[in-house]
Amino acid sequence: MVSPSLAAVMGEFVGTFVLIVLGNGVVAGALLKKSKAENAGWISITAGWAIAVFAGVAVSAALGDADGHLNPAFTVASVMMTGHAERLLYYIPAQVLGALCGGIAVWLHYRPHWELTEDKDAKLGCFCTAPAVYSPGWNLLSEIIGTFVLVLVATALFSKRIAPAGVAPGLGPVLVGALVWGIGLSLGGTTGYAINPARDLGPRIAHAILPITGKGDSGWKYAWVPVLGPVIGAALAVAAIRGLGMA
């Protein structure tokens, strides 16, 4: 077992931190009272998350992280494809910690607005996902499908059949960001498209531990869905990639 480089682990941490600062930041801007972006809407949120993914992956690459997963589901998929199980031990803790720190940064950035916002669900939504209609089985399926599409299409985008010489330098983060935007627009309306266990779990922990004025429950009854669903979706995508000969 070969341990990933320090640069790779730092890339996962910092990249995920940037992902959450910009992703949850756009949600907070749209939901919190007295924000200049209040009521910006779903298009704004999905576009913001697309840019967040692009920025996070770009930063991780600039730090020397050749993988740039920023997502335990991607890490699980990569382990299934390559057998590098050590990534589970190093990447996933870095991703969750980066997401936790990102959630704290969003809380600090919007500090005066929490007191002005009475809606507890809106406050929670600035940190983690919640279903539009609570139905755990169907919510789980939504997360499975969203992540399945994420891993399947991301694999296709970087396929040698599409780009025999490899994707042009700097283009990869743009492609992944665009893919996440499409998933958000098409499939995100049911659960808020976590499609990333760290993206949901890290900020949910932040919500639980931070002294947020007037906050409610951190939604732990639902928290297993955006963790388990993406992992299942990623595993199914790997099976499909192998079965269809995409690998």
C-alpha atoms as a PDB file:
ATOM      1  CA  MET A   1       0.000   0.000   0.000  1.00  0.00           C
ATOM      2  CA  VAL A   2       1.467   3.336  -1.102  1.00  0.00           C
ATOM      3  CA  SER A   3       0.319   6.411   0.812  1.00  0.00           C
ATOM      4  CA  PRO A   4      -0.859   9.365  -1.306  1.00  0.00           C
ATOM      5  CA  SER A   5       1.452  12.371  -1.316  1.00  0.00           C
ATOM      6  CA  LEU A   6       0.950  15.223   1.118  1.00  0.00           C
ATOM      7  CA  ALA A   7       0.135  17.440  -1.874  1.00  0.00           C
ATOM      8  CA  ALA A   8      -2.702  15.106  -2.872  1.00  0.00           C
ATOM      9  CA  VAL A   9      -4.195  15.046   0.629  1.00  0.00           C
ATOM     10  CA  MET A  10      -3.873  18.834   0.964  1.00  0.00           C
ATOM     11  CA  GLY A  11      -5.469  19.183  -2.454  1.00  0.00           C
ATOM     12  CA  GLU A  12      -8.467  17.149  -1.305  1.00  0.00           C
ATOM     13  CA  PHE A  13      -8.768  19.245   1.859  1.00  0.00           C
ATOM     14  CA  VAL A  14      -8.342  22.703   0.328  1.00  0.00           C
ATOM     15  CA  GLY A  15     -10.283  21.856  -2.817  1.00  0.00           C
ATOM     16  CA  THR A  16     -13.253  20.618  -0.794  1.00  0.00           C
ATOM     17  CA  PHE A  17     -13.011  23.690   1.430  1.00  0.00           C
ATOM     18  CA  VAL A  18     -13.284  25.953  -1.639  1.00  0.00           C
ATOM     19  CA  LEU A  19     -16.113  23.807  -3.003  1.00  0.00           C
ATOM     20  CA  ILE A  20     -18.182  24.328   0.153  1.00  0.00           C
ATOM     21  CA  VAL A  21     -17.340  28.003   0.653  1.00  0.00           C
ATOM     22  CA  LEU A  22     -18.616  28.854  -2.823  1.00  0.00           C
ATOM     23  CA  GLY A  23     -21.361  26.213  -3.015  1.00  0.00           C
ATOM     24  CA  ASN A  24     -22.944  26.729   0.385  1.00  0.00           C
ATOM     25  CA  GLY A  25     -22.124  30.414   0.061  1.00  0.00           C
ATOM     26  CA  VAL A  26     -24.449  30.817  -2.919  1.00  0.00           C
ATOM     27  CA  VAL A  27     -27.196  28.975  -1.030  1.00  0.00           C
ATOM     28  CA  ALA A  28     -26.778  31.239   2.003  1.00  0.00           C
ATOM     29  CA  GLY A  29     -26.859  34.300  -0.213  1.00  0.00           C
ATOM     30  CA  ALA A  30     -30.158  33.165  -1.735  1.00  0.00           C
ATOM     31  CA  LEU A  31     -31.844  32.094   1.520  1.00  0.00           C
ATOM     32  CA  LEU A  32     -30.706  34.408   4.323  1.00  0.00           C
ATOM     33  CA  LYS A  33     -32.556  37.610   5.111  1.00  0.00           C
ATOM     34  CA  LYS A  34     -31.095  40.967   4.070  1.00  0.00           C
ATOM     35  CA  SER A  35     -28.624  39.312   1.718  1.00  0.00           C
ATOM     36  CA  LYS A  36     -28.366  41.235  -1.542  1.00  0.00           C
ATOM     37  CA  ALA A  37     -28.854  37.896  -3.305  1.00  0.00           C
ATOM     38  CA  GLU A  38     -31.972  36.943  -1.309  1.00  0.00           C
ATOM     39  CA  ASN A  39     -34.508  34.998  -3.402  1.00  0.00           C
ATOM     40  CA  ALA A  40     -32.023  34.610  -6.263  1.00  0.00           C
ATOM     41  CA  GLY A  41     -33.560  31.201  -6.983  1.00  0.00           C
ATOM     42  CA  TRP A  42     -32.644  27.754  -8.211  1.00  0.00           C
ATOM     43  CA  ILE A  43     -30.807  28.829 -11.365  1.00  0.00           C
ATOM     44  CA  SER A  44     -28.487  30.983  -9.284  1.00  0.00           C
ATOM     45  CA  ILE A  45     -27.866  28.161  -6.811  1.00  0.00           C
ATOM     46  CA  THR A  46     -27.138  25.533  -9.468  1.00  0.00           C
ATOM     47  CA  ALA A  47     -24.849  27.917 -11.361  1.00  0.00           C
ATOM     48  CA  GLY A  48     -23.039  28.788  -8.139  1.00  0.00           C
ATOM     49  CA  TRP A  49     -22.482  25.127  -7.333  1.00  0.00           C
ATOM     50  CA  ALA A  50     -21.160  24.495 -10.848  1.00  0.00           C
ATOM     51  CA  ILE A  51     -18.594  27.258 -10.398  1.00  0.00           C
ATOM     52  CA  ALA A  52     -17.818  25.933  -6.912  1.00  0.00           C
ATOM     53  CA  VAL A  53     -16.965  22.523  -8.358  1.00  0.00           C
ATOM     54  CA  PHE A  54     -14.837  24.086 -11.105  1.00  0.00           C
ATOM     55  CA  ALA A  55     -12.976  26.241  -8.573  1.00  0.00           C
ATOM     56  CA  GLY A  56     -12.443  23.419  -6.072  1.00  0.00           C
ATOM     57  CA  VAL A  57     -11.092  20.996  -8.655  1.00  0.00           C
ATOM     58  CA  ALA A  58      -8.845  23.703 -10.136  1.00  0.00           C
ATOM     59  CA  VAL A  59      -7.384  24.555  -6.723  1.00  0.00           C
ATOM     60  CA  SER A  60      -6.771  20.903  -5.867  1.00  0.00           C
ATOM     61  CA  ALA A  61      -4.965  20.409  -9.188  1.00  0.00           C
ATOM     62  CA  ALA A  62      -2.855  23.520  -8.620  1.00  0.00           C
ATOM     63  CA  LEU A  63      -1.797  22.081  -5.259  1.00  0.00           C
ATOM     64  CA  GLY A  64      -0.529  18.939  -6.957  1.00  0.00           C
ATOM     65  CA  ASP A  65      -3.553  16.676  -6.457  1.00  0.00           C
ATOM     66  CA  ALA A  66      -3.776  14.694  -9.682  1.00  0.00           C
ATOM     67  CA  ASP A  67      -7.061  13.072  -8.607  1.00  0.00           C
ATOM     68  CA  GLY A  68      -9.119  16.040  -7.390  1.00  0.00           C
ATOM     69  CA  HIS A  69     -11.995  13.891  -6.157  1.00  0.00           C
ATOM     70  CA  LEU A  70     -13.357  16.263  -3.461  1.00  0.00           C
ATOM     71  CA  ASN A  71     -16.034  13.630  -3.033  1.00  0.00           C
ATOM     72  CA  PRO A  72     -15.945  10.269  -1.199  1.00  0.00           C
ATOM     73  CA  ALA A  73     -18.179   8.770  -3.884  1.00  0.00           C
ATOM     74  CA  PHE A  74     -15.509   9.501  -6.504  1.00  0.00           C
ATOM     75  CA  THR A  75     -12.901   8.080  -4.161  1.00  0.00           C
ATOM     76  CA  VAL A  76     -14.886   4.872  -3.718  1.00  0.00           C
ATOM     77  CA  ALA A  77     -15.282   4.630  -7.504  1.00  0.00           C
ATOM     78  CA  SER A  78     -11.547   5.158  -8.032  1.00  0.00           C
ATOM     79  CA  VAL A  79     -10.714   2.447  -5.495  1.00  0.00           C
ATOM     80  CA  MET A  80     -13.028   0.034  -7.295  1.00  0.00           C
ATOM     81  CA  MET A  81     -11.376   0.911 -10.613  1.00  0.00           C
ATOM     82  CA  THR A  82      -7.736   0.969  -9.509  1.00  0.00           C
ATOM     83  CA  GLY A  83      -7.528  -1.002  -6.263  1.00  0.00           C
ATOM     84  CA  HIS A  84      -5.776   1.845  -4.441  1.00  0.00           C
ATOM     85  CA  ALA A  85      -7.648   1.317  -1.169  1.00  0.00           C
ATOM     86  CA  GLU A  86      -5.304   3.662   0.724  1.00  0.00           C
ATOM     87  CA  ARG A  87      -7.192   6.575  -0.830  1.00  0.00           C
ATOM     88  CA  LEU A  88     -10.122   5.753   1.450  1.00  0.00           C
ATOM     89  CA  LEU A  89      -7.957   6.301   4.524  1.00  0.00           C
ATOM     90  CA  TYR A  90      -6.414   9.580   3.390  1.00  0.00           C
ATOM     91  CA  TYR A  91      -8.763  11.283   0.958  1.00  0.00           C
ATOM     92  CA  ILE A  92     -12.117  10.847   2.698  1.00  0.00           C
ATOM     93  CA  PRO A  93     -11.063  12.341   6.088  1.00  0.00           C
ATOM     94  CA  ALA A  94      -9.452  15.263   4.230  1.00  0.00           C
ATOM     95  CA  GLN A  95     -12.643  15.804   2.215  1.00  0.00           C
ATOM     96  CA  VAL A  96     -14.939  15.730   5.253  1.00  0.00           C
ATOM     97  CA  LEU A  97     -12.648  18.022   7.247  1.00  0.00           C
ATOM     98  CA  GLY A  98     -12.394  20.431   4.325  1.00  0.00           C
ATOM     99  CA  ALA A  99     -16.184  20.482   4.040  1.00  0.00           C
ATOM    100  CA  LEU A 100     -16.542  21.063   7.787  1.00  0.00           C
ATOM    101  CA  CYS A 101     -14.152  24.013   7.646  1.00  0.00           C
ATOM    102  CA  GLY A 102     -15.950  25.337   4.580  1.00  0.00           C
ATOM    103  CA  GLY A 103     -19.250  25.272   6.459  1.00  0.00           C
ATOM    104  CA  ILE A 104     -17.690  27.217   9.324  1.00  0.00           C
ATOM    105  CA  ALA A 105     -16.329  29.793   6.874  1.00  0.00           C
ATOM    106  CA  VAL A 106     -19.796  30.315   5.359  1.00  0.00           C
ATOM    107  CA  TRP A 107     -21.236  30.830   8.845  1.00  0.00           C
ATOM    108  CA  LEU A 108     -18.601  33.453   9.589  1.00  0.00           C
ATOM    109  CA  HIS A 109     -19.054  35.201   6.253  1.00  0.00           C
ATOM    110  CA  TYR A 110     -22.813  35.613   6.744  1.00  0.00           C
ATOM    111  CA  ARG A 111     -22.583  36.132  10.519  1.00  0.00           C
ATOM    112  CA  PRO A 112     -25.032  39.093  10.869  1.00  0.00           C
ATOM    113  CA  HIS A 113     -27.670  37.428   8.709  1.00  0.00           C
ATOM    114  CA  TRP A 114     -28.384  34.399  10.900  1.00  0.00           C
ATOM    115  CA  GLU A 115     -30.055  36.533  13.542  1.00  0.00           C
ATOM    116  CA  LEU A 116     -32.253  38.189  10.913  1.00  0.00           C
ATOM    117  CA  THR A 117     -33.436  34.877   9.464  1.00  0.00           C
ATOM    118  CA  GLU A 118     -36.245  33.145  11.360  1.00  0.00           C
ATOM    119  CA  ASP A 119     -36.699  30.125   9.081  1.00  0.00           C
ATOM    120  CA  LYS A 120     -34.815  27.241  10.695  1.00  0.00           C
ATOM    121  CA  ASP A 121     -35.048  25.102   7.568  1.00  0.00           C
ATOM    122  CA  ALA A 122     -33.501  27.897   5.501  1.00  0.00           C
ATOM    123  CA  LYS A 123     -30.603  28.073   7.926  1.00  0.00           C
ATOM    124  CA  LEU A 124     -30.077  24.319   7.735  1.00  0.00           C
ATOM    125  CA  GLY A 125     -30.241  24.506   3.938  1.00  0.00           C
ATOM    126  CA  CYS A 126     -27.202  26.781   3.974  1.00  0.00           C
ATOM    127  CA  PHE A 127     -25.196  23.835   5.303  1.00  0.00           C
ATOM    128  CA  CYS A 128     -26.635  20.559   4.032  1.00  0.00           C
ATOM    129  CA  THR A 129     -29.355  19.027   1.903  1.00  0.00           C
ATOM    130  CA  ALA A 130     -32.950  18.143   2.727  1.00  0.00           C
ATOM    131  CA  PRO A 131     -35.615  16.539   0.537  1.00  0.00           C
ATOM    132  CA  ALA A 132     -38.412  18.545  -1.046  1.00  0.00           C
ATOM    133  CA  VAL A 133     -40.729  15.656  -0.133  1.00  0.00           C
ATOM    134  CA  TYR A 134     -39.564  13.471   2.740  1.00  0.00           C
ATOM    135  CA  SER A 135     -39.667   9.890   1.497  1.00  0.00           C
ATOM    136  CA  PRO A 136     -36.398   8.186   2.458  1.00  0.00           C
ATOM    137  CA  GLY A 137     -36.579   5.352  -0.053  1.00  0.00           C
ATOM    138  CA  TRP A 138     -37.287   7.627  -3.012  1.00  0.00           C
ATOM    139  CA  ASN A 139     -34.860  10.246  -1.695  1.00  0.00           C
ATOM    140  CA  LEU A 140     -32.169   7.569  -1.594  1.00  0.00           C
ATOM    141  CA  LEU A 141     -32.970   6.601  -5.174  1.00  0.00           C
ATOM    142  CA  SER A 142     -32.636  10.240  -6.256  1.00  0.00           C
ATOM    143  CA  GLU A 143     -29.159  10.443  -4.748  1.00  0.00           C
ATOM    144  CA  ILE A 144     -28.208   7.109  -6.321  1.00  0.00           C
ATOM    145  CA  ILE A 145     -29.326   8.241  -9.782  1.00  0.00           C
ATOM    146  CA  GLY A 146     -27.674  11.653  -9.508  1.00  0.00           C
ATOM    147  CA  THR A 147     -24.346  10.189  -8.461  1.00  0.00           C
ATOM    148  CA  PHE A 148     -24.577   7.404 -11.018  1.00  0.00           C
ATOM    149  CA  VAL A 149     -24.876  10.038 -13.741  1.00  0.00           C
ATOM    150  CA  LEU A 150     -22.041  12.072 -12.195  1.00  0.00           C
ATOM    151  CA  VAL A 151     -19.536   9.212 -12.185  1.00  0.00           C
ATOM    152  CA  LEU A 152     -20.654   7.725 -15.505  1.00  0.00           C
ATOM    153  CA  VAL A 153     -20.511  10.985 -17.459  1.00  0.00           C
ATOM    154  CA  ALA A 154     -17.327  12.210 -15.744  1.00  0.00           C
ATOM    155  CA  THR A 155     -15.662   8.972 -16.830  1.00  0.00           C
ATOM    156  CA  ALA A 156     -16.906   9.485 -20.374  1.00  0.00           C
ATOM    157  CA  LEU A 157     -15.648  13.075 -20.484  1.00  0.00           C
ATOM    158  CA  PHE A 158     -12.115  11.935 -19.705  1.00  0.00           C
ATOM    159  CA  SER A 159     -12.268   8.860 -21.937  1.00  0.00           C
ATOM    160  CA  LYS A 160      -9.457   8.352 -24.415  1.00  0.00           C
ATOM    161  CA  ARG A 161     -12.118   7.672 -27.033  1.00  0.00           C
ATOM    162  CA  ILE A 162     -13.296  11.280 -26.735  1.00  0.00           C
ATOM    163  CA  ALA A 163      -9.872  12.835 -26.209  1.00  0.00           C
ATOM    164  CA  PRO A 164      -7.202  10.363 -27.423  1.00  0.00           C
ATOM    165  CA  ALA A 165      -4.402  12.703 -26.337  1.00  0.00           C
ATOM    166  CA  GLY A 166      -6.079  13.472 -23.029  1.00  0.00           C
ATOM    167  CA  VAL A 167      -8.195  16.447 -21.971  1.00  0.00           C
ATOM    168  CA  ALA A 168      -6.527  19.793 -22.633  1.00  0.00           C
ATOM    169  CA  PRO A 169      -4.828  21.299 -19.550  1.00  0.00           C
ATOM    170  CA  GLY A 170      -7.286  23.300 -17.470  1.00  0.00           C
ATOM    171  CA  LEU A 171     -10.355  21.993 -19.284  1.00  0.00           C
ATOM    172  CA  GLY A 172     -11.114  19.153 -16.870  1.00  0.00           C
ATOM    173  CA  PRO A 173     -12.451  21.337 -14.024  1.00  0.00           C
ATOM    174  CA  VAL A 174     -14.677  23.225 -16.487  1.00  0.00           C
ATOM    175  CA  LEU A 175     -16.175  20.006 -17.823  1.00  0.00           C
ATOM    176  CA  VAL A 176     -16.892  18.625 -14.356  1.00  0.00           C
ATOM    177  CA  GLY A 177     -18.426  21.930 -13.267  1.00  0.00           C
ATOM    178  CA  ALA A 178     -20.704  21.942 -16.310  1.00  0.00           C
ATOM    179  CA  LEU A 179     -21.735  18.361 -15.577  1.00  0.00           C
ATOM    180  CA  VAL A 180     -22.674  19.233 -11.989  1.00  0.00           C
ATOM    181  CA  TRP A 181     -24.685  22.206 -13.256  1.00  0.00           C
ATOM    182  CA  GLY A 182     -26.625  19.888 -15.555  1.00  0.00           C
ATOM    183  CA  ILE A 183     -27.286  17.410 -12.745  1.00  0.00           C
ATOM    184  CA  GLY A 184     -28.498  20.219 -10.503  1.00  0.00           C
ATOM    185  CA  LEU A 185     -30.874  21.589 -13.134  1.00  0.00           C
ATOM    186  CA  SER A 186     -32.256  18.210 -14.191  1.00  0.00           C
ATOM    187  CA  LEU A 187     -32.148  16.056 -11.061  1.00  0.00           C
ATOM    188  CA  GLY A 188     -31.535  18.367  -8.111  1.00  0.00           C
ATOM    189  CA  GLY A 189     -35.102  19.385  -7.369  1.00  0.00           C
ATOM    190  CA  THR A 190     -35.916  16.303  -5.298  1.00  0.00           C
ATOM    191  CA  THR A 191     -33.183  16.217  -2.662  1.00  0.00           C
ATOM    192  CA  GLY A 192     -30.939  19.185  -3.378  1.00  0.00           C
ATOM    193  CA  TYR A 193     -28.451  16.840  -5.120  1.00  0.00           C
ATOM    194  CA  ALA A 194     -25.827  16.191  -2.478  1.00  0.00           C
ATOM    195  CA  ILE A 195     -24.188  13.594  -4.782  1.00  0.00           C
ATOM    196  CA  ASN A 196     -21.241  13.881  -2.394  1.00  0.00           C
ATOM    197  CA  PRO A 197     -21.192  12.506   1.181  1.00  0.00           C
ATOM    198  CA  ALA A 198     -18.538  14.992   2.349  1.00  0.00           C
ATOM    199  CA  ARG A 199     -20.447  17.953   0.902  1.00  0.00           C
ATOM    200  CA  ASP A 200     -23.402  17.043   3.114  1.00  0.00           C
ATOM    201  CA  LEU A 201     -21.819  15.502   6.205  1.00  0.00           C
ATOM    202  CA  GLY A 202     -19.069  18.055   6.891  1.00  0.00           C
ATOM    203  CA  PRO A 203     -21.329  21.132   6.846  1.00  0.00           C
ATOM    204  CA  ARG A 204     -24.060  19.246   8.727  1.00  0.00           C
ATOM    205  CA  ILE A 205     -21.548  18.696  11.538  1.00  0.00           C
ATOM    206  CA  ALA A 206     -20.727  22.411  11.351  1.00  0.00           C
ATOM    207  CA  HIS A 207     -24.430  23.245  11.741  1.00  0.00           C
ATOM    208  CA  ALA A 208     -24.629  20.947  14.756  1.00  0.00           C
ATOM    209  CA  ILE A 209     -21.646  22.435  16.607  1.00  0.00           C
ATOM    210  CA  LEU A 210     -21.826  26.119  15.698  1.00  0.00           C
ATOM    211  CA  PRO A 211     -23.703  28.646  17.885  1.00  0.00           C
ATOM    212  CA  ILE A 212     -26.081  29.621  15.081  1.00  0.00           C
ATOM    213  CA  THR A 213     -28.759  31.978  16.330  1.00  0.00           C
ATOM    214  CA  GLY A 214     -32.181  30.329  16.330  1.00  0.00           C
ATOM    215  CA  LYS A 215     -31.085  27.157  14.594  1.00  0.00           C
ATOM    216  CA  GLY A 216     -33.186  24.031  14.679  1.00  0.00           C
ATOM    217  CA  ASP A 217     -32.394  20.350  14.423  1.00  0.00           C
ATOM    218  CA  SER A 218     -29.472  19.347  12.198  1.00  0.00           C
ATOM    219  CA  GLY A 219     -31.581  16.747  10.386  1.00  0.00           C
ATOM    220  CA  TRP A 220     -29.688  13.653  11.455  1.00  0.00           C
ATOM    221  CA  LYS A 221     -32.740  11.469  10.769  1.00  0.00           C
ATOM    222  CA  TYR A 222     -32.180  12.129   7.068  1.00  0.00           C
ATOM    223  CA  ALA A 223     -28.374  12.419   7.073  1.00  0.00           C
ATOM    224  CA  TRP A 224     -27.749   8.794   6.072  1.00  0.00           C
ATOM    225  CA  VAL A 225     -29.420   9.320   2.680  1.00  0.00           C
ATOM    226  CA  PRO A 226     -26.874  11.795   1.196  1.00  0.00           C
ATOM    227  CA  VAL A 227     -24.063   9.627   2.535  1.00  0.00           C
ATOM    228  CA  LEU A 228     -25.211   6.166   1.460  1.00  0.00           C
ATOM    229  CA  GLY A 229     -26.959   7.151  -1.778  1.00  0.00           C
ATOM    230  CA  PRO A 230     -23.884   8.624  -3.503  1.00  0.00           C
ATOM    231  CA  VAL A 231     -21.727   5.647  -2.503  1.00  0.00           C
ATOM    232  CA  ILE A 232     -24.256   3.211  -3.988  1.00  0.00           C
ATOM    233  CA  GLY A 233     -24.609   5.358  -7.099  1.00  0.00           C
ATOM    234  CA  ALA A 234     -20.846   5.474  -7.594  1.00  0.00           C
ATOM    235  CA  ALA A 235     -20.529   1.694  -7.196  1.00  0.00           C
ATOM    236  CA  LEU A 236     -23.311   1.080  -9.714  1.00  0.00           C
ATOM    237  CA  ALA A 237     -21.668   3.501 -12.134  1.00  0.00           C
ATOM    238  CA  VAL A 238     -18.400   1.579 -11.933  1.00  0.00           C
ATOM    239  CA  ALA A 239     -20.279  -1.633 -12.672  1.00  0.00           C
ATOM    240  CA  ALA A 240     -21.911   0.010 -15.688  1.00  0.00           C
ATOM    241  CA  ILE A 241     -18.599   1.470 -16.900  1.00  0.00           C
ATOM    242  CA  ARG A 242     -17.020  -1.976 -16.832  1.00  0.00           C
ATOM    243  CA  GLY A 243     -20.053  -3.693 -18.302  1.00  0.00           C
ATOM    244  CA  LEU A 244     -20.278  -1.216 -21.189  1.00  0.00           C
ATOM    245  CA  GLY A 245     -16.551  -1.331 -21.849  1.00  0.00           C
ATOM    246  CA  MET A 246     -15.951   2.320 -21.054  1.00  0.00           C
ATOM    247  CA  ALA A 247     -13.022   1.648 -18.731  1.00  0.00           C
END
